[in-house]
């Protein structure tokens, strides 16, 4: 297998990134009964690519985009011991390239960007039943912190 390259996303990547978004939504639908049945979007990827408070990265092998992820700088609650943090999302690796470290390489580069922005707290959300995603995030150092619970009435 060829080398994995991580780079900033470009507007020319938009078609591929929109396809990734739909694959993420498809994968998450079984975990979330609150998602609408019709086609939805989680992100405004074009806007995210040009935003100064968001770093959108892609992974490539042989110039083919095979993965994605972003870090978004957020203001923390005033009672926390950090003023800002980075929220990670849009983590996706093409099915044909899973298990070779794509996700961890993207996260490592996002960590570097966060440090360069003086951000030292990272957070993300993952569905409790999504065992493979939980395992991937724990593998790169994330720990369970808070459980979000819901009930439909």
N, C-alpha and C. Protein backbone atom coordinates (compact mmCIF):
# COMPACT_ATOMS: atom_id res chain seq x y z
N UNK A 1 0.84 -1.18 0.00
CA UNK A 1 0.00 0.00 0.00
C UNK A 1 0.89 1.24 0.00
N UNK A 2 0.43 2.28 -0.64
CA UNK A 2 1.20 3.51 -0.76
C UNK A 2 1.02 4.40 0.47
N UNK A 3 1.82 5.43 0.53
CA UNK A 3 1.85 6.33 1.68
C UNK A 3 0.56 7.14 1.83
N UNK A 4 0.13 7.32 3.07
CA UNK A 4 -1.03 8.14 3.39
C UNK A 4 -0.54 9.57 3.57
N UNK A 5 -1.13 10.49 2.83
CA UNK A 5 -0.81 11.91 2.93
C UNK A 5 -2.00 12.63 3.56
N UNK A 6 -1.72 13.51 4.52
CA UNK A 6 -2.76 14.31 5.15
C UNK A 6 -2.55 15.76 4.72
N UNK A 7 -3.62 16.39 4.26
CA UNK A 7 -3.53 17.80 3.82
C UNK A 7 -4.83 18.53 4.12
N UNK A 8 -4.77 19.86 4.03
CA UNK A 8 -5.97 20.69 4.18
C UNK A 8 -6.93 20.38 3.04
N UNK A 9 -8.21 20.35 3.36
CA UNK A 9 -9.22 20.17 2.33
C UNK A 9 -9.29 21.41 1.45
N UNK A 10 -9.64 21.16 0.19
CA UNK A 10 -9.81 22.25 -0.79
C UNK A 10 -11.24 22.20 -1.33
N UNK A 11 -11.68 23.30 -1.89
CA UNK A 11 -13.02 23.34 -2.48
C UNK A 11 -13.17 22.28 -3.57
N UNK A 12 -12.08 21.94 -4.23
CA UNK A 12 -12.14 20.92 -5.28
C UNK A 12 -12.42 19.53 -4.70
N UNK A 13 -12.30 19.37 -3.39
CA UNK A 13 -12.60 18.10 -2.72
C UNK A 13 -14.08 17.98 -2.36
N UNK A 14 -14.84 19.03 -2.58
CA UNK A 14 -16.21 19.12 -2.07
C UNK A 14 -17.09 17.94 -2.49
N UNK A 15 -17.06 17.53 -3.74
CA UNK A 15 -17.91 16.43 -4.19
C UNK A 15 -17.63 15.16 -3.38
N UNK A 16 -16.37 14.85 -3.20
CA UNK A 16 -15.99 13.66 -2.43
C UNK A 16 -16.39 13.81 -0.97
N UNK A 17 -16.20 15.00 -0.40
CA UNK A 17 -16.52 15.22 1.01
C UNK A 17 -18.03 15.16 1.25
N UNK A 18 -18.81 15.63 0.31
CA UNK A 18 -20.27 15.51 0.44
C UNK A 18 -20.69 14.05 0.41
N UNK A 19 -20.02 13.23 -0.40
CA UNK A 19 -20.29 11.79 -0.42
C UNK A 19 -19.92 11.16 0.92
N UNK A 20 -18.77 11.56 1.49
CA UNK A 20 -18.38 11.07 2.81
C UNK A 20 -19.44 11.41 3.84
N UNK A 21 -19.95 12.65 3.80
CA UNK A 21 -20.96 13.08 4.77
C UNK A 21 -22.17 12.15 4.70
N UNK A 22 -22.62 11.83 3.51
CA UNK A 22 -23.79 10.95 3.38
C UNK A 22 -23.50 9.54 3.89
N UNK A 23 -22.26 9.07 3.70
CA UNK A 23 -21.89 7.75 4.23
C UNK A 23 -21.86 7.76 5.76
N UNK A 24 -21.41 8.87 6.34
CA UNK A 24 -21.42 9.01 7.81
C UNK A 24 -22.87 8.96 8.30
N UNK A 25 -23.74 9.72 7.66
CA UNK A 25 -25.14 9.77 8.07
C UNK A 25 -25.77 8.38 7.94
N UNK A 26 -25.51 7.69 6.86
CA UNK A 26 -26.04 6.34 6.66
C UNK A 26 -25.56 5.40 7.76
N UNK A 27 -24.28 5.51 8.13
CA UNK A 27 -23.72 4.65 9.19
C UNK A 27 -24.31 4.99 10.55
N UNK A 28 -24.67 6.25 10.78
CA UNK A 28 -25.16 6.67 12.08
C UNK A 28 -26.68 6.53 12.25
N UNK A 29 -27.41 6.41 11.17
CA UNK A 29 -28.88 6.30 11.27
C UNK A 29 -29.34 5.18 12.21
N UNK A 30 -28.73 3.99 12.18
CA UNK A 30 -29.19 2.94 13.10
C UNK A 30 -29.00 3.29 14.58
N UNK A 31 -28.10 4.22 14.89
CA UNK A 31 -27.82 4.61 16.27
C UNK A 31 -28.69 5.77 16.74
N UNK A 32 -29.37 6.47 15.80
CA UNK A 32 -30.06 7.70 16.16
C UNK A 32 -31.46 7.77 15.56
N UNK A 33 -32.47 7.40 16.35
CA UNK A 33 -33.84 7.42 15.84
C UNK A 33 -34.39 8.84 15.64
N UNK A 34 -33.65 9.86 16.04
CA UNK A 34 -34.14 11.23 15.91
C UNK A 34 -33.76 11.87 14.57
N UNK A 35 -32.95 11.19 13.76
CA UNK A 35 -32.59 11.75 12.45
C UNK A 35 -33.77 11.67 11.50
N UNK A 36 -33.98 12.70 10.71
CA UNK A 36 -35.04 12.71 9.71
C UNK A 36 -34.81 11.59 8.70
N UNK A 37 -35.89 11.09 8.12
CA UNK A 37 -35.78 10.01 7.14
C UNK A 37 -35.28 10.49 5.78
N UNK A 38 -35.53 11.74 5.44
CA UNK A 38 -35.09 12.24 4.12
C UNK A 38 -33.60 12.56 4.12
N UNK A 39 -33.09 12.95 2.97
CA UNK A 39 -31.68 13.32 2.86
C UNK A 39 -31.41 14.54 3.75
N UNK A 40 -30.38 14.44 4.57
CA UNK A 40 -30.00 15.53 5.47
C UNK A 40 -28.52 15.83 5.32
N UNK A 41 -28.11 16.95 5.88
CA UNK A 41 -26.69 17.33 5.93
C UNK A 41 -26.36 17.70 7.37
N UNK A 42 -25.21 17.25 7.82
CA UNK A 42 -24.71 17.66 9.13
C UNK A 42 -23.93 18.97 9.03
N UNK A 43 -23.27 19.18 7.89
CA UNK A 43 -22.26 20.24 7.79
C UNK A 43 -22.49 21.13 6.57
N UNK A 44 -21.95 22.34 6.64
CA UNK A 44 -21.78 23.18 5.46
C UNK A 44 -20.29 23.11 5.14
N UNK A 45 -19.91 22.07 4.43
CA UNK A 45 -18.50 21.75 4.23
C UNK A 45 -17.77 22.86 3.48
N UNK A 46 -18.40 23.44 2.48
CA UNK A 46 -17.76 24.54 1.75
C UNK A 46 -17.40 25.69 2.66
N UNK A 47 -18.32 26.06 3.54
CA UNK A 47 -18.07 27.14 4.50
C UNK A 47 -16.99 26.74 5.51
N UNK A 48 -17.02 25.47 5.93
CA UNK A 48 -16.04 24.99 6.90
C UNK A 48 -14.61 25.07 6.34
N UNK A 49 -14.46 24.74 5.07
CA UNK A 49 -13.13 24.74 4.45
C UNK A 49 -12.48 26.13 4.52
N UNK A 50 -13.31 27.16 4.39
CA UNK A 50 -12.75 28.52 4.37
C UNK A 50 -12.78 29.22 5.73
N UNK A 51 -13.37 28.60 6.75
CA UNK A 51 -13.49 29.23 8.07
C UNK A 51 -12.14 29.25 8.79
N UNK A 52 -11.87 30.34 9.49
CA UNK A 52 -10.59 30.48 10.19
C UNK A 52 -10.54 29.68 11.49
N UNK A 53 -11.71 29.34 12.05
CA UNK A 53 -11.75 28.61 13.31
C UNK A 53 -11.94 27.10 13.12
N UNK A 54 -11.85 26.64 11.87
CA UNK A 54 -12.03 25.23 11.56
C UNK A 54 -10.90 24.76 10.65
N UNK A 55 -10.34 23.63 10.98
CA UNK A 55 -9.32 22.99 10.14
C UNK A 55 -9.93 21.70 9.61
N UNK A 56 -10.19 21.66 8.30
CA UNK A 56 -10.73 20.47 7.65
C UNK A 56 -9.58 19.79 6.92
N UNK A 57 -9.37 18.52 7.25
CA UNK A 57 -8.28 17.77 6.64
C UNK A 57 -8.82 16.59 5.84
N UNK A 58 -8.05 16.19 4.85
CA UNK A 58 -8.34 14.97 4.11
C UNK A 58 -7.10 14.09 4.11
N UNK A 59 -7.35 12.79 3.99
CA UNK A 59 -6.28 11.82 3.81
C UNK A 59 -6.32 11.37 2.36
N UNK A 60 -5.13 11.20 1.78
CA UNK A 60 -5.03 10.74 0.40
C UNK A 60 -4.06 9.58 0.30
N UNK A 61 -4.33 8.71 -0.64
CA UNK A 61 -3.37 7.71 -1.10
C UNK A 61 -3.37 7.81 -2.62
N UNK A 62 -2.20 8.01 -3.19
CA UNK A 62 -2.07 8.15 -4.65
C UNK A 62 -3.05 9.19 -5.20
N UNK A 63 -3.15 10.33 -4.52
CA UNK A 63 -3.99 11.46 -4.90
C UNK A 63 -5.49 11.17 -4.81
N UNK A 64 -5.89 10.04 -4.27
CA UNK A 64 -7.30 9.73 -4.05
C UNK A 64 -7.66 10.08 -2.61
N UNK A 65 -8.69 10.90 -2.42
CA UNK A 65 -9.14 11.27 -1.08
C UNK A 65 -9.86 10.06 -0.48
N UNK A 66 -9.34 9.60 0.68
CA UNK A 66 -9.85 8.38 1.31
C UNK A 66 -10.36 8.61 2.73
N UNK A 67 -10.20 9.82 3.26
CA UNK A 67 -10.63 10.07 4.62
C UNK A 67 -10.75 11.56 4.90
N UNK A 68 -11.42 11.88 6.02
CA UNK A 68 -11.63 13.28 6.37
C UNK A 68 -11.78 13.44 7.88
N UNK A 69 -11.68 14.68 8.31
CA UNK A 69 -11.91 15.04 9.70
C UNK A 69 -11.73 16.53 9.87
N UNK A 70 -12.31 17.08 10.93
CA UNK A 70 -12.11 18.50 11.20
C UNK A 70 -11.96 18.74 12.69
N UNK A 71 -11.37 19.89 13.01
CA UNK A 71 -11.33 20.42 14.37
C UNK A 71 -11.92 21.83 14.29
N UNK A 72 -12.87 22.11 15.18
CA UNK A 72 -13.54 23.41 15.22
C UNK A 72 -13.32 24.03 16.59
N UNK A 73 -12.76 25.22 16.63
CA UNK A 73 -12.52 25.90 17.89
C UNK A 73 -13.84 26.43 18.44
N UNK A 74 -14.09 26.11 19.71
CA UNK A 74 -15.32 26.50 20.40
C UNK A 74 -14.97 27.20 21.71
N UNK A 75 -15.87 28.05 22.18
CA UNK A 75 -15.73 28.65 23.51
C UNK A 75 -16.24 27.65 24.54
N UNK A 76 -15.49 27.50 25.60
CA UNK A 76 -15.89 26.58 26.67
C UNK A 76 -16.84 27.29 27.64
N UNK A 77 -17.54 26.50 28.41
CA UNK A 77 -18.40 27.05 29.45
C UNK A 77 -17.52 27.79 30.47
N UNK A 78 -18.02 28.87 31.06
CA UNK A 78 -17.19 29.67 31.97
C UNK A 78 -16.75 28.93 33.23
N UNK A 79 -17.41 27.85 33.58
CA UNK A 79 -17.03 27.11 34.78
C UNK A 79 -15.92 26.08 34.54
N UNK A 80 -15.48 25.92 33.29
CA UNK A 80 -14.42 24.95 33.00
C UNK A 80 -13.04 25.59 33.15
N UNK A 81 -12.02 24.76 33.28
CA UNK A 81 -10.67 25.28 33.49
C UNK A 81 -9.94 25.60 32.19
N UNK A 82 -10.66 25.67 31.08
CA UNK A 82 -10.09 26.08 29.80
C UNK A 82 -11.11 27.00 29.12
N UNK A 83 -10.61 28.03 28.46
CA UNK A 83 -11.50 29.02 27.83
C UNK A 83 -12.02 28.54 26.48
N UNK A 84 -11.22 27.72 25.80
CA UNK A 84 -11.59 27.22 24.48
C UNK A 84 -11.22 25.75 24.39
N UNK A 85 -11.80 25.10 23.42
CA UNK A 85 -11.47 23.71 23.13
C UNK A 85 -11.71 23.48 21.64
N UNK A 86 -11.29 22.34 21.15
CA UNK A 86 -11.58 21.98 19.76
C UNK A 86 -12.52 20.80 19.75
N UNK A 87 -13.55 20.94 18.94
CA UNK A 87 -14.51 19.85 18.74
C UNK A 87 -14.12 19.14 17.45
N UNK A 88 -13.94 17.83 17.53
CA UNK A 88 -13.58 17.05 16.35
C UNK A 88 -14.82 16.40 15.77
N UNK A 89 -14.89 16.38 14.44
CA UNK A 89 -16.02 15.77 13.76
C UNK A 89 -15.67 15.44 12.33
N UNK A 90 -16.67 14.94 11.61
CA UNK A 90 -16.53 14.59 10.19
C UNK A 90 -15.43 13.56 9.97
N UNK A 91 -15.26 12.70 10.99
CA UNK A 91 -14.22 11.66 10.92
C UNK A 91 -14.74 10.52 10.05
N UNK A 92 -14.10 10.31 8.92
CA UNK A 92 -14.53 9.26 8.00
C UNK A 92 -13.32 8.68 7.28
N UNK A 93 -13.34 7.36 7.15
CA UNK A 93 -12.35 6.65 6.35
C UNK A 93 -13.09 5.73 5.40
N UNK A 94 -12.74 5.80 4.12
CA UNK A 94 -13.33 4.93 3.11
C UNK A 94 -13.20 3.48 3.54
N UNK A 95 -14.25 2.70 3.33
CA UNK A 95 -14.27 1.29 3.76
C UNK A 95 -13.06 0.50 3.27
N UNK A 96 -12.56 0.79 2.08
CA UNK A 96 -11.44 0.05 1.51
C UNK A 96 -10.10 0.36 2.19
N UNK A 97 -10.08 1.39 3.05
CA UNK A 97 -8.82 1.81 3.66
C UNK A 97 -8.87 1.80 5.19
N UNK A 98 -9.86 1.16 5.76
CA UNK A 98 -9.96 1.09 7.22
C UNK A 98 -8.94 0.10 7.77
N UNK A 99 -8.48 0.38 8.98
CA UNK A 99 -7.55 -0.52 9.65
C UNK A 99 -6.09 -0.27 9.33
N UNK A 100 -5.78 0.82 8.60
CA UNK A 100 -4.37 1.11 8.26
C UNK A 100 -3.88 2.41 8.89
N UNK A 101 -4.68 2.97 9.81
CA UNK A 101 -4.24 4.14 10.55
C UNK A 101 -4.63 5.49 9.97
N UNK A 102 -5.57 5.51 9.05
CA UNK A 102 -5.98 6.78 8.43
C UNK A 102 -6.55 7.73 9.49
N UNK A 103 -7.49 7.25 10.29
CA UNK A 103 -8.12 8.07 11.32
C UNK A 103 -7.08 8.63 12.31
N UNK A 104 -6.17 7.78 12.73
CA UNK A 104 -5.17 8.25 13.71
C UNK A 104 -4.24 9.30 13.10
N UNK A 105 -3.92 9.17 11.82
CA UNK A 105 -3.07 10.18 11.16
C UNK A 105 -3.80 11.52 11.05
N UNK A 106 -5.09 11.47 10.72
CA UNK A 106 -5.87 12.70 10.65
C UNK A 106 -5.95 13.35 12.03
N UNK A 107 -6.24 12.56 13.05
CA UNK A 107 -6.35 13.11 14.40
C UNK A 107 -5.02 13.69 14.86
N UNK A 108 -3.92 13.04 14.55
CA UNK A 108 -2.61 13.56 14.94
C UNK A 108 -2.36 14.93 14.32
N UNK A 109 -2.70 15.08 13.04
CA UNK A 109 -2.52 16.39 12.38
C UNK A 109 -3.49 17.42 12.96
N UNK A 110 -4.69 17.02 13.31
CA UNK A 110 -5.62 17.96 13.94
C UNK A 110 -5.11 18.39 15.30
N UNK A 111 -4.51 17.47 16.03
CA UNK A 111 -3.89 17.83 17.32
C UNK A 111 -2.80 18.87 17.11
N UNK A 112 -1.97 18.68 16.11
CA UNK A 112 -0.90 19.65 15.81
C UNK A 112 -1.49 21.02 15.52
N UNK A 113 -2.55 21.07 14.72
CA UNK A 113 -3.19 22.35 14.40
C UNK A 113 -3.74 22.97 15.67
N UNK A 114 -4.40 22.18 16.50
CA UNK A 114 -4.96 22.70 17.75
C UNK A 114 -3.87 23.30 18.63
N UNK A 115 -2.77 22.59 18.79
CA UNK A 115 -1.66 23.13 19.59
C UNK A 115 -1.18 24.46 19.01
N UNK A 116 -1.10 24.56 17.68
CA UNK A 116 -0.64 25.81 17.04
C UNK A 116 -1.62 26.96 17.27
N UNK A 117 -2.87 26.62 17.62
CA UNK A 117 -3.90 27.62 17.92
C UNK A 117 -4.05 27.83 19.42
N UNK A 118 -3.13 27.27 20.20
CA UNK A 118 -3.18 27.33 21.67
C UNK A 118 -4.44 26.68 22.24
N UNK A 119 -4.84 25.60 21.62
CA UNK A 119 -5.97 24.79 22.08
C UNK A 119 -5.40 23.49 22.65
N UNK A 120 -5.78 23.17 23.89
CA UNK A 120 -5.20 22.00 24.54
C UNK A 120 -6.27 21.05 25.10
N UNK A 121 -7.50 21.24 24.69
CA UNK A 121 -8.61 20.36 25.08
C UNK A 121 -9.33 19.95 23.80
N UNK A 122 -9.49 18.64 23.58
CA UNK A 122 -10.20 18.13 22.41
C UNK A 122 -11.41 17.34 22.88
N UNK A 123 -12.51 17.47 22.15
CA UNK A 123 -13.73 16.75 22.48
C UNK A 123 -14.36 16.25 21.19
N UNK A 124 -15.14 15.21 21.30
CA UNK A 124 -15.92 14.70 20.18
C UNK A 124 -17.11 13.93 20.72
N UNK A 125 -18.06 13.68 19.85
CA UNK A 125 -19.24 12.88 20.20
C UNK A 125 -19.19 11.60 19.41
N UNK A 126 -19.61 10.51 20.05
CA UNK A 126 -19.70 9.22 19.37
C UNK A 126 -20.90 8.48 19.98
N UNK A 127 -21.64 7.80 19.13
CA UNK A 127 -22.78 7.04 19.64
C UNK A 127 -22.30 5.89 20.51
N UNK A 128 -22.94 5.72 21.65
CA UNK A 128 -22.57 4.70 22.62
C UNK A 128 -22.55 3.30 22.02
N UNK A 129 -23.47 3.02 21.11
CA UNK A 129 -23.55 1.69 20.49
C UNK A 129 -22.56 1.51 19.34
N UNK A 130 -21.85 2.56 18.96
CA UNK A 130 -20.90 2.48 17.85
C UNK A 130 -19.54 2.00 18.38
N UNK A 131 -19.47 0.71 18.66
CA UNK A 131 -18.28 0.13 19.31
C UNK A 131 -17.00 0.32 18.51
N UNK A 132 -17.07 0.20 17.18
CA UNK A 132 -15.85 0.34 16.39
C UNK A 132 -15.31 1.76 16.43
N UNK A 133 -16.20 2.75 16.41
CA UNK A 133 -15.75 4.15 16.51
C UNK A 133 -15.18 4.43 17.89
N UNK A 134 -15.85 3.93 18.93
CA UNK A 134 -15.35 4.13 20.29
C UNK A 134 -13.94 3.55 20.42
N UNK A 135 -13.75 2.36 19.90
CA UNK A 135 -12.44 1.70 19.96
C UNK A 135 -11.38 2.53 19.22
N UNK A 136 -11.74 3.05 18.06
CA UNK A 136 -10.78 3.86 17.28
C UNK A 136 -10.37 5.11 18.04
N UNK A 137 -11.32 5.78 18.69
CA UNK A 137 -11.00 7.00 19.43
C UNK A 137 -10.22 6.69 20.70
N UNK A 138 -10.57 5.63 21.37
CA UNK A 138 -9.81 5.23 22.56
C UNK A 138 -8.38 4.86 22.19
N UNK A 139 -8.20 4.28 21.03
CA UNK A 139 -6.87 3.89 20.56
C UNK A 139 -5.93 5.09 20.41
N UNK A 140 -6.49 6.27 20.10
CA UNK A 140 -5.66 7.47 19.95
C UNK A 140 -5.70 8.35 21.20
N UNK A 141 -6.25 7.82 22.31
CA UNK A 141 -6.13 8.52 23.58
C UNK A 141 -7.39 9.13 24.15
N UNK A 142 -8.50 9.13 23.42
CA UNK A 142 -9.73 9.68 23.98
C UNK A 142 -10.28 8.76 25.06
N UNK A 143 -10.93 9.37 26.04
CA UNK A 143 -11.56 8.62 27.12
C UNK A 143 -13.01 9.06 27.24
N UNK A 144 -13.87 8.12 27.64
CA UNK A 144 -15.27 8.47 27.88
C UNK A 144 -15.32 9.52 28.98
N UNK A 145 -16.18 10.51 28.79
CA UNK A 145 -16.22 11.62 29.72
C UNK A 145 -17.63 11.87 30.27
N UNK A 146 -18.62 11.87 29.40
CA UNK A 146 -19.97 12.23 29.79
C UNK A 146 -20.92 11.46 28.89
N UNK A 147 -21.98 10.96 29.43
CA UNK A 147 -22.97 10.24 28.65
C UNK A 147 -24.17 11.15 28.45
N UNK A 148 -24.58 11.33 27.20
CA UNK A 148 -25.75 12.12 26.85
C UNK A 148 -26.91 11.14 26.72
N UNK A 149 -27.96 11.36 27.50
CA UNK A 149 -29.11 10.45 27.48
C UNK A 149 -30.32 11.19 26.94
N UNK A 150 -31.30 10.41 26.39
CA UNK A 150 -32.51 11.02 25.85
C UNK A 150 -33.67 10.08 26.06
N UNK A 151 -34.87 10.65 25.92
CA UNK A 151 -36.09 9.86 25.91
C UNK A 151 -37.08 10.56 24.98
N UNK A 152 -37.74 9.80 24.14
CA UNK A 152 -38.79 10.37 23.31
C UNK A 152 -40.12 10.24 24.02
N UNK A 153 -40.91 11.29 23.98
CA UNK A 153 -42.22 11.28 24.65
C UNK A 153 -43.35 11.32 23.63
